[in-house]
C-alpha atoms as a PDB file:
ATOM      1  CA  MET A   1     106.997 116.883  95.569  1.00  0.00           C
ATOM      2  CA  SER A   2     106.030 115.405  99.054  1.00  0.00           C
ATOM      3  CA  GLU A   3     108.714 113.978 101.119  1.00  0.00           C
ATOM      4  CA  LEU A   4     108.657 109.934 100.874  1.00  0.00           C
ATOM      5  CA  ILE A   5     108.031 108.239 104.206  1.00  0.00           C
ATOM      6  CA  VAL A   6     108.163 104.704 102.580  1.00  0.00           C
ATOM      7  CA  ASP A   7     110.071 103.858  99.826  1.00  0.00           C
ATOM      8  CA  VAL A   8     110.095  99.876  98.673  1.00  0.00           C
ATOM      9  CA  ARG A   9     111.979  99.298  95.566  1.00  0.00           C
ATOM     10  CA  ASP A  10     112.310  95.714  93.878  1.00  0.00           C
ATOM     11  CA  LEU A  11     111.325  94.062  97.037  1.00  0.00           C
ATOM     12  CA  THR A  12     111.408  90.050  96.784  1.00  0.00           C
ATOM     13  CA  VAL A  13     110.540  88.409 100.059  1.00  0.00           C
ATOM     14  CA  GLU A  14     110.187  84.483 100.947  1.00  0.00           C
ATOM     15  CA  LEU A  15     108.309  82.615 103.928  1.00  0.00           C
ATOM     16  CA  GLY A  16     109.844  79.186 104.467  1.00  0.00           C
ATOM     17  CA  GLU A  17     111.641  79.337 100.969  1.00  0.00           C
ATOM     18  CA  ARG A  18     108.366  80.174  99.204  1.00  0.00           C
ATOM     19  CA  PRO A  19     108.235  83.394  97.229  1.00  0.00           C
ATOM     20  CA  VAL A  20     105.423  85.586  98.581  1.00  0.00           C
ATOM     21  CA  LEU A  21     106.397  89.050  97.440  1.00  0.00           C
ATOM     22  CA  HIS A  22     108.011  89.673  93.823  1.00  0.00           C
ATOM     23  CA  GLY A  23     109.603  92.899  92.538  1.00  0.00           C
ATOM     24  CA  ILE A  24     107.480  95.091  94.668  1.00  0.00           C
ATOM     25  CA  ASP A  25     107.762  99.199  93.961  1.00  0.00           C
ATOM     26  CA  PHE A  26     105.686 100.955  96.491  1.00  0.00           C
ATOM     27  CA  GLN A  27     105.925 104.389  98.085  1.00  0.00           C
ATOM     28  CA  VAL A  28     104.251 106.515 100.513  1.00  0.00           C
ATOM     29  CA  SER A  29     104.489 110.168 100.788  1.00  0.00           C
ATOM     30  CA  ARG A  30     103.926 112.452 104.242  1.00  0.00           C
ATOM     31  CA  GLY A  31     100.512 112.886 105.082  1.00  0.00           C
ATOM     32  CA  GLU A  32      99.136 110.009 102.848  1.00  0.00           C
ATOM     33  CA  VAL A  33      96.760 107.626 104.429  1.00  0.00           C
ATOM     34  CA  VAL A  34      97.278 104.607 102.026  1.00  0.00           C
ATOM     35  CA  THR A  35      95.468 101.161 102.049  1.00  0.00           C
ATOM     36  CA  LEU A  36      96.901  97.767 101.066  1.00  0.00           C
ATOM     37  CA  LEU A  37      94.037  95.683  99.537  1.00  0.00           C
ATOM     38  CA  GLY A  38      94.142  92.438  97.980  1.00  0.00           C
ATOM     39  CA  ALA A  39      92.689  88.609  98.497  1.00  0.00           C
ATOM     40  CA  ASN A  40      93.782  86.423 101.315  1.00  0.00           C
ATOM     41  CA  GLY A  41      97.361  85.337 100.404  1.00  0.00           C
ATOM     42  CA  SER A  42      98.111  88.355  98.058  1.00  0.00           C
ATOM     43  CA  GLY A  43     101.184  89.702 100.322  1.00  0.00           C
ATOM     44  CA  LYS A  44      99.440  92.307 102.056  1.00  0.00           C
ATOM     45  CA  SER A  45     100.701  91.425 105.516  1.00  0.00           C
ATOM     46  CA  THR A  46     104.107  90.333 104.616  1.00  0.00           C
ATOM     47  CA  LEU A  47     104.716  93.504 102.752  1.00  0.00           C
ATOM     48  CA  VAL A  48     103.961  95.596 106.065  1.00  0.00           C
ATOM     49  CA  ARG A  49     106.002  93.205 108.208  1.00  0.00           C
ATOM     50  CA  ALA A  50     109.101  93.819 105.866  1.00  0.00           C
ATOM     51  CA  ILE A  51     108.508  97.224 105.995  1.00  0.00           C
ATOM     52  CA  VAL A  52     108.522  97.580 110.010  1.00  0.00           C
ATOM     53  CA  GLY A  53     111.592  95.230 109.850  1.00  0.00           C
ATOM     54  CA  LEU A  54     110.069  91.662 110.741  1.00  0.00           C
ATOM     55  CA  ILE A  55     111.104  90.226 107.778  1.00  0.00           C
ATOM     56  CA  PRO A  56     114.163  90.390 105.827  1.00  0.00           C
ATOM     57  CA  PRO A  57     113.986  90.498 102.363  1.00  0.00           C
ATOM     58  CA  VAL A  58     115.576  88.315  99.681  1.00  0.00           C
ATOM     59  CA  THR A  59     116.299  91.204  97.193  1.00  0.00           C
ATOM     60  CA  GLY A  60     115.242  94.691  96.891  1.00  0.00           C
ATOM     61  CA  ASP A  61     115.605  98.042  99.288  1.00  0.00           C
ATOM     62  CA  ILE A  62     113.197  99.366 101.905  1.00  0.00           C
ATOM     63  CA  THR A  63     113.775 103.055 102.803  1.00  0.00           C
ATOM     64  CA  ILE A  64     112.203 104.626 105.806  1.00  0.00           C
ATOM     65  CA  PHE A  65     112.424 108.319 106.479  1.00  0.00           C
ATOM     66  CA  GLY A  66     114.995 108.540 104.123  1.00  0.00           C
ATOM     67  CA  GLN A  67     117.274 105.980 106.025  1.00  0.00           C
ATOM     68  CA  PRO A  68     117.716 102.540 104.777  1.00  0.00           C
ATOM     69  CA  LEU A  69     115.762 100.078 106.959  1.00  0.00           C
ATOM     70  CA  ARG A  70     119.191  97.984 107.439  1.00  0.00           C
ATOM     71  CA  SER A  71     120.520 101.247 109.297  1.00  0.00           C
ATOM     72  CA  PHE A  72     117.195 102.614 110.641  1.00  0.00           C
ATOM     73  CA  HIS A  73     117.186 102.958 114.430  1.00  0.00           C
ATOM     74  CA  ASP A  74     114.544 106.042 115.255  1.00  0.00           C
ATOM     75  CA  TRP A  75     111.877 103.405 115.928  1.00  0.00           C
ATOM     76  CA  PRO A  76     109.698 105.745 117.987  1.00  0.00           C
ATOM     77  CA  ARG A  77     108.927 107.444 114.748  1.00  0.00           C
ATOM     78  CA  LEU A  78     106.888 104.574 113.662  1.00  0.00           C
ATOM     79  CA  GLY A  79     103.761 103.004 115.491  1.00  0.00           C
ATOM     80  CA  TYR A  80     102.741  99.394 114.365  1.00  0.00           C
ATOM     81  CA  VAL A  81      99.692  97.382 115.448  1.00  0.00           C
ATOM     82  CA  PRO A  82      99.985  93.981 114.301  1.00  0.00           C
ATOM     83  CA  GLN A  83      96.932  91.846 112.821  1.00  0.00           C
ATOM     84  CA  ARG A  84      94.807  89.740 115.169  1.00  0.00           C
ATOM     85  CA  THR A  85      96.473  90.297 118.622  1.00  0.00           C
ATOM     86  CA  THR A  86      94.879  91.222 122.146  1.00  0.00           C
ATOM     87  CA  ALA A  87      95.885  93.531 124.563  1.00  0.00           C
ATOM     88  CA  ALA A  88      94.887  91.018 127.286  1.00  0.00           C
ATOM     89  CA  GLY A  89      97.854  89.305 128.710  1.00  0.00           C
ATOM     90  CA  GLY A  90      98.638  86.847 131.806  1.00  0.00           C
ATOM     91  CA  VAL A  91      99.488  90.248 134.041  1.00  0.00           C
ATOM     92  CA  PRO A  92      96.524  92.486 135.131  1.00  0.00           C
ATOM     93  CA  ALA A  93      97.038  95.703 133.648  1.00  0.00           C
ATOM     94  CA  THR A  94      94.530  98.811 133.111  1.00  0.00           C
ATOM     95  CA  VAL A  95      93.963 100.570 129.863  1.00  0.00           C
ATOM     96  CA  ARG A  96      96.132 103.601 130.797  1.00  0.00           C
ATOM     97  CA  GLU A  97      99.106 101.306 131.744  1.00  0.00           C
ATOM     98  CA  VAL A  98      98.721  99.623 128.693  1.00  0.00           C
ATOM     99  CA  VAL A  99      98.784 102.467 126.615  1.00  0.00           C
ATOM    100  CA  ALA A 100     101.722 103.943 128.762  1.00  0.00           C
ATOM    101  CA  SER A 101     104.097 101.289 127.468  1.00  0.00           C
ATOM    102  CA  GLY A 102     104.109 102.855 124.087  1.00  0.00           C
ATOM    103  CA  ARG A 103     106.034 105.614 125.804  1.00  0.00           C
ATOM    104  CA  LEU A 104     108.871 103.483 126.651  1.00  0.00           C
ATOM    105  CA  ALA A 105     110.849 103.839 123.686  1.00  0.00           C
ATOM    106  CA  ARG A 106     110.940 107.420 124.095  1.00  0.00           C
ATOM    107  CA  ARG A 107     112.410 107.473 127.622  1.00  0.00           C
ATOM    108  CA  LYS A 108     115.737 106.335 129.075  1.00  0.00           C
ATOM    109  CA  PRO A 109     115.648 102.679 130.576  1.00  0.00           C
ATOM    110  CA  PHE A 110     114.268 102.910 134.145  1.00  0.00           C
ATOM    111  CA  TRP A 111     113.904 106.865 134.012  1.00  0.00           C
ATOM    112  CA  PRO A 112     110.054 107.437 135.635  1.00  0.00           C
ATOM    113  CA  SER A 113     107.609 108.700 133.340  1.00  0.00           C
ATOM    114  CA  THR A 114     107.311 112.846 132.991  1.00  0.00           C
ATOM    115  CA  ARG A 115     104.759 114.885 132.598  1.00  0.00           C
ATOM    116  CA  SER A 116     104.846 115.084 128.667  1.00  0.00           C
ATOM    117  CA  ASP A 117     104.523 110.961 128.959  1.00  0.00           C
ATOM    118  CA  ARG A 118     101.467 111.554 130.770  1.00  0.00           C
ATOM    119  CA  GLU A 119      99.808 114.279 128.761  1.00  0.00           C
ATOM    120  CA  ALA A 120     100.597 111.952 125.635  1.00  0.00           C
ATOM    121  CA  VAL A 121      98.996 108.986 127.128  1.00  0.00           C
ATOM    122  CA  ASP A 122      96.102 110.985 128.011  1.00  0.00           C
ATOM    123  CA  ARG A 123      95.631 112.475 124.490  1.00  0.00           C
ATOM    124  CA  ALA A 124      96.101 108.705 122.960  1.00  0.00           C
ATOM    125  CA  ILE A 125      93.286 107.406 125.156  1.00  0.00           C
ATOM    126  CA  GLU A 126      90.939 110.363 124.510  1.00  0.00           C
ATOM    127  CA  MET A 127      91.856 109.864 120.571  1.00  0.00           C
ATOM    128  CA  VAL A 128      90.551 106.448 120.451  1.00  0.00           C
ATOM    129  CA  GLY A 129      87.346 107.280 122.710  1.00  0.00           C
ATOM    130  CA  LEU A 130      88.450 105.214 125.843  1.00  0.00           C
ATOM    131  CA  ALA A 131      89.039 107.802 128.392  1.00  0.00           C
ATOM    132  CA  ASP A 132      85.685 106.650 130.559  1.00  0.00           C
ATOM    133  CA  ARG A 133      87.777 103.240 130.597  1.00  0.00           C
ATOM    134  CA  ALA A 134      91.154 104.372 131.396  1.00  0.00           C
ATOM    135  CA  ASP A 135      91.515 102.827 134.801  1.00  0.00           C
ATOM    136  CA  ASP A 136      89.481  99.489 133.878  1.00  0.00           C
ATOM    137  CA  GLY A 137      91.342  96.513 133.392  1.00  0.00           C
ATOM    138  CA  ILE A 138      92.196  95.911 129.967  1.00  0.00           C
ATOM    139  CA  HIS A 139      90.810  92.355 130.306  1.00  0.00           C
ATOM    140  CA  THR A 140      87.311  93.834 130.692  1.00  0.00           C
ATOM    141  CA  LEU A 141      87.126  95.416 127.453  1.00  0.00           C
ATOM    142  CA  SER A 142      85.519  94.178 124.072  1.00  0.00           C
ATOM    143  CA  GLY A 143      87.668  92.720 121.517  1.00  0.00           C
ATOM    144  CA  GLY A 144      86.912  96.258 119.259  1.00  0.00           C
ATOM    145  CA  GLN A 145      87.895  97.908 122.515  1.00  0.00           C
ATOM    146  CA  GLN A 146      91.076  96.479 123.086  1.00  0.00           C
ATOM    147  CA  GLN A 147      91.985  97.085 119.767  1.00  0.00           C
ATOM    148  CA  ARG A 148      91.585 100.682 120.059  1.00  0.00           C
ATOM    149  CA  ALA A 149      93.866 100.283 123.101  1.00  0.00           C
ATOM    150  CA  LEU A 150      96.370  98.992 120.890  1.00  0.00           C
ATOM    151  CA  ILE A 151      96.149 101.394 118.771  1.00  0.00           C
ATOM    152  CA  ALA A 152      96.211 104.025 121.366  1.00  0.00           C
ATOM    153  CA  ARG A 153      99.563 102.543 122.889  1.00  0.00           C
ATOM    154  CA  ALA A 154     100.956 102.907 119.223  1.00  0.00           C
ATOM    155  CA  ALA A 155      99.933 106.311 118.930  1.00  0.00           C
ATOM    156  CA  SER A 156     101.057 107.263 122.594  1.00  0.00           C
ATOM    157  CA  GLY A 157     104.495 107.286 121.232  1.00  0.00           C
ATOM    158  CA  ASP A 158     103.634 110.419 118.901  1.00  0.00           C
ATOM    159  CA  PRO A 159     105.099 108.360 115.452  1.00  0.00           C
ATOM    160  CA  ASP A 160     105.193 110.168 112.355  1.00  0.00           C
ATOM    161  CA  LEU A 161     103.928 106.938 110.606  1.00  0.00           C
ATOM    162  CA  LEU A 162     101.261 104.634 111.801  1.00  0.00           C
ATOM    163  CA  VAL A 163     100.955 100.999 110.584  1.00  0.00           C
ATOM    164  CA  LEU A 164      98.115  99.092 111.165  1.00  0.00           C
ATOM    165  CA  ASP A 165      97.410  95.657 109.931  1.00  0.00           C
ATOM    166  CA  GLU A 166      93.580  95.048 109.280  1.00  0.00           C
ATOM    167  CA  PRO A 167      92.676  97.147 112.336  1.00  0.00           C
ATOM    168  CA  ASN A 168      88.654  96.502 111.458  1.00  0.00           C
ATOM    169  CA  ALA A 169      89.207  92.629 111.542  1.00  0.00           C
ATOM    170  CA  GLY A 170      86.523  91.141 114.079  1.00  0.00           C
ATOM    171  CA  VAL A 171      85.648  94.425 115.364  1.00  0.00           C
ATOM    172  CA  ASP A 172      81.994  95.427 115.477  1.00  0.00           C
ATOM    173  CA  GLN A 173      80.564  98.404 113.559  1.00  0.00           C
ATOM    174  CA  ARG A 174      80.395 100.550 116.552  1.00  0.00           C
ATOM    175  CA  SER A 175      84.129 100.145 117.457  1.00  0.00           C
ATOM    176  CA  GLN A 176      84.780 100.658 113.696  1.00  0.00           C
ATOM    177  CA  GLU A 177      83.272 104.008 113.608  1.00  0.00           C
ATOM    178  CA  ALA A 178      84.890 105.148 116.799  1.00  0.00           C
ATOM    179  CA  PHE A 179      88.178 103.663 115.297  1.00  0.00           C
ATOM    180  CA  ALA A 180      87.496 106.003 112.198  1.00  0.00           C
ATOM    181  CA  ARG A 181      87.045 109.065 114.083  1.00  0.00           C
ATOM    182  CA  SER A 182      90.256 108.401 116.118  1.00  0.00           C
ATOM    183  CA  LEU A 183      92.332 107.727 112.814  1.00  0.00           C
ATOM    184  CA  ARG A 184      90.644 111.485 111.625  1.00  0.00           C
ATOM    185  CA  THR A 185      91.985 113.090 114.566  1.00  0.00           C
ATOM    186  CA  PHE A 186      95.634 111.566 114.125  1.00  0.00           C
ATOM    187  CA  VAL A 187      95.811 112.329 110.273  1.00  0.00           C
ATOM    188  CA  ALA A 188      94.644 115.957 111.123  1.00  0.00           C
ATOM    189  CA  SER A 189      97.869 116.590 112.430  1.00  0.00           C
ATOM    190  CA  GLY A 190      99.783 116.050 109.361  1.00  0.00           C
ATOM    191  CA  ARG A 191     100.801 112.319 110.117  1.00  0.00           C
ATOM    192  CA  THR A 192     101.212 109.520 107.891  1.00  0.00           C
ATOM    193  CA  VAL A 193      99.089 106.046 108.130  1.00  0.00           C
ATOM    194  CA  LEU A 194      99.608 102.774 105.968  1.00  0.00           C
ATOM    195  CA  LEU A 195      96.573 100.303 106.545  1.00  0.00           C
ATOM    196  CA  VAL A 196      95.984  96.930 105.584  1.00  0.00           C
ATOM    197  CA  LEU A 197      92.296  96.233 105.065  1.00  0.00           C
ATOM    198  CA  HIS A 198      89.759  93.889 103.705  1.00  0.00           C
ATOM    199  CA  ASP A 199      86.780  96.078 103.852  1.00  0.00           C
ATOM    200  CA  MET A 200      87.197  99.689 104.129  1.00  0.00           C
ATOM    201  CA  GLY A 201      83.908 100.372 106.169  1.00  0.00           C
ATOM    202  CA  PRO A 202      83.864 103.564 107.847  1.00  0.00           C
ATOM    203  CA  LEU A 203      87.542 104.349 107.071  1.00  0.00           C
ATOM    204  CA  GLU A 204      86.894 104.722 103.440  1.00  0.00           C
ATOM    205  CA  PRO A 205      86.389 108.519 103.403  1.00  0.00           C
ATOM    206  CA  LEU A 206      89.944 108.903 104.920  1.00  0.00           C
ATOM    207  CA  VAL A 207      91.892 106.751 102.519  1.00  0.00           C
ATOM    208  CA  SER A 208      93.757 108.757  99.821  1.00  0.00           C
ATOM    209  CA  ARG A 209      95.348 105.835  97.826  1.00  0.00           C
ATOM    210  CA  GLY A 210      94.499 102.274  97.333  1.00  0.00           C
ATOM    211  CA  VAL A 211      97.057  99.791  96.513  1.00  0.00           C
ATOM    212  CA  VAL A 212      95.558  96.352  95.211  1.00  0.00           C
ATOM    213  CA  LEU A 213      98.301  93.510  95.710  1.00  0.00           C
ATOM    214  CA  ASP A 214      97.718  90.315  93.740  1.00  0.00           C
ATOM    215  CA  ALA A 215      99.740  87.196  94.169  1.00  0.00           C
ATOM    216  CA  GLY A 216     102.451  89.199  95.728  1.00  0.00           C
ATOM    217  CA  ARG A 217     102.623  91.824  93.131  1.00  0.00           C
ATOM    218  CA  VAL A 218     101.440  95.341  92.561  1.00  0.00           C
ATOM    219  CA  ALA A 219      98.189  94.789  90.363  1.00  0.00           C
ATOM    220  CA  TYR A 220      96.905  98.695  90.715  1.00  0.00           C
ATOM    221  CA  ASP A 221      98.027 101.698  92.507  1.00  0.00           C
ATOM    222  CA  GLY A 222      95.818 104.846  92.437  1.00  0.00           C
ATOM    223  CA  PRO A 223      92.619 106.114  93.552  1.00  0.00           C
ATOM    224  CA  VAL A 224      90.667 104.054  96.108  1.00  0.00           C
ATOM    225  CA  PRO A 225      88.877 101.438  93.927  1.00  0.00           C
ATOM    226  CA  VAL A 226      85.216 101.441  93.768  1.00  0.00           C
ATOM    227  CA  PRO A 227      82.979  98.733  95.805  1.00  0.00           C
ATOM    228  CA  VAL A 228      82.800  95.919  93.123  1.00  0.00           C
ATOM    229  CA  ALA A 229      79.363  93.508  92.758  1.00  0.00           C
ATOM    230  CA  ALA A 230      77.134  93.185  95.903  1.00  0.00           C
ATOM    231  CA  GLY A 231      78.747  96.119  97.692  1.00  0.00           C
ATOM    232  CA  ARG A 232      82.262  94.194  98.504  1.00  0.00           C
ATOM    233  CA  HIS A 233      85.474  96.074  98.207  1.00  0.00           C
ATOM    234  CA  VAL A 234      88.491  94.655  96.032  1.00  0.00           C
ATOM    235  CA  GLY A 235      90.035  91.797  97.516  1.00  0.00           C
ATOM    236  CA  HIS A 236      87.018  90.569  99.602  1.00  0.00           C
ATOM    237  CA  PRO A 237      86.118  86.663  98.954  1.00  0.00           C
ATOM    238  CA  GLY A 238      83.240  86.479  96.644  1.00  0.00           C
ATOM    239  CA  ALA A 239      84.289  89.667  94.947  1.00  0.00           C
ATOM    240  CA  HIS A 240      84.127  89.416  91.151  1.00  0.00           C
ATOM    241  CA  SER A 241      83.969  91.819  88.218  1.00  0.00           C
ATOM    242  CA  ALA A 242      84.301  92.243  84.838  1.00  0.00           C
ATOM    243  CA  ALA A 243      87.638  93.963  85.404  1.00  0.00           C
ATOM    244  CA  VAL A 244      91.174  92.554  83.958  1.00  0.00           C
ATOM    245  CA  ALA A 245      93.082  91.768  86.961  1.00  0.00           C
ATOM    246  CA  GLY A 246      95.797  94.242  87.410  1.00  0.00           C
ATOM    247  CA  GLY A 247      93.690  97.225  85.843  1.00  0.00           C
ATOM    248  CA  SER A 248      90.637  99.091  85.846  1.00  0.00           C
ATOM    249  CA  ALA A 249      87.469  98.190  84.050  1.00  0.00           C
ATOM    250  CA  ALA A 250      85.377 100.527  82.205  1.00  0.00           C
ATOM    251  CA  ASP A 251      83.091 101.047  85.339  1.00  0.00           C
ATOM    252  CA  GLY A 252      85.967 102.137  87.556  1.00  0.00           C
ATOM    253  CA  THR A 253      85.828  98.484  89.196  1.00  0.00           C
ATOM    254  CA  ILE A 254      89.054  96.385  89.869  1.00  0.00           C
ATOM    255  CA  GLY A 255      89.245  92.884  89.599  1.00  0.00           C
ATOM    256  CA  VAL A 256      91.288  90.214  91.644  1.00  0.00           C
ATOM    257  CA  PRO A 257      91.521  86.376  91.402  1.00  0.00           C
ATOM    258  CA  SER A 258      89.979  84.205  94.098  1.00  0.00           C
ATOM    259  CA  ALA A 259      92.333  83.892  97.562  1.00  0.00           C
ATOM    260  CA  VAL A 260      95.547  82.202  97.022  1.00  0.00           C
ATOM    261  CA  PRO A 261      97.119  80.361 100.711  1.00  0.00           C
ATOM    262  CA  ASN A 262      97.380  82.953 103.174  1.00  0.00           C
ATOM    263  CA  ASP A 263     100.780  84.557 103.771  1.00  0.00           C
ATOM    264  CA  HIS A 264     100.178  85.502 107.358  1.00  0.00           C
ATOM    265  CA  PRO A 265      99.667  82.293 109.161  1.00  0.00           C
ATOM    266  CA  HIS A 266      99.431  82.709 113.115  1.00  0.00           C
ATOM    267  CA  SER A 267     100.891  80.814 115.712  1.00  0.00           C
ATOM    268  CA  SER A 268     101.973  80.777 119.354  1.00  0.00           C
ATOM    269  CA  ASP A 269     105.828  81.170 118.596  1.00  0.00           C
ATOM    270  CA  GLU A 270     105.473  84.064 115.983  1.00  0.00           C
ATOM    271  CA  GLU A 271     108.511  86.423 115.770  1.00  0.00           C
ATOM    272  CA  THR A 272     108.934  89.454 117.871  1.00  0.00           C
ATOM    273  CA  GLY A 273     109.846  92.776 116.176  1.00  0.00           C
ATOM    274  CA  PRO A 274     111.850  96.119 117.279  1.00  0.00           C
ATOM    275  CA  PHE A 275     108.459  97.080 119.136  1.00  0.00           C
ATOM    276  CA  GLY A 276     108.257  94.132 121.297  1.00  0.00           C
ATOM    277  CA  TRP A 277     105.004  92.721 119.822  1.00  0.00           C
ATOM    278  CA  THR A 278     104.169  89.676 117.714  1.00  0.00           C
ATOM    279  CA  SER A 279     102.834  90.513 114.417  1.00  0.00           C
END
């Protein structure tokens, strides 16, 4: 049996005293590419935020790399890119500088970068197809390119697990295809990926397993669901099929009810996790 990288047991999470996740059981094994699917408000982002330590569980257990999350400290093994963020801040920085910040957890405080640090940064930039923009200001990049730079920052730390929350949201088709090529390179090295997606797009061939959330519960866990009516994937607003919620229809499609209130509201004062990034 493959090593469990993520093991979630009977997880319940509340946001503002409102239950969002209910009795979640969920595992990710080494080398898998697993995508969380479901309607807005189904609990996808809340689940990944709980897994990376940004939201405490009310009940249940989360284990990462065989260690209980509450006592886990080897954060460089985990790379996380939150939903709807930007790489451009108030301080001017190049793409290389932004990506290099992903190596800080691998170094002692105030120690200069090493040759291995610089090589890891170069590999990460090359992986996301931004080698020709490495010395450009991050603010000069498009939204899709900035998203790829943030993914390179997470990958530069050589994590064993990469967690990405809707990496394709608001990203043009060309950038989605470039990101899919980048992720293929990362996966080929034998590492593990957990994705939150609305539409899989170019990432679909890479995904080994789909987990559908419905109103904070696991409704389906298995082979990636086939597109539902009108070519929309499970969880996409307006996607309806004859399937029964939480199960498979005769044609292999998965039914999910219409969206419930969003479980991942964004504001200017969002909490910061162990990676120093808002989520």
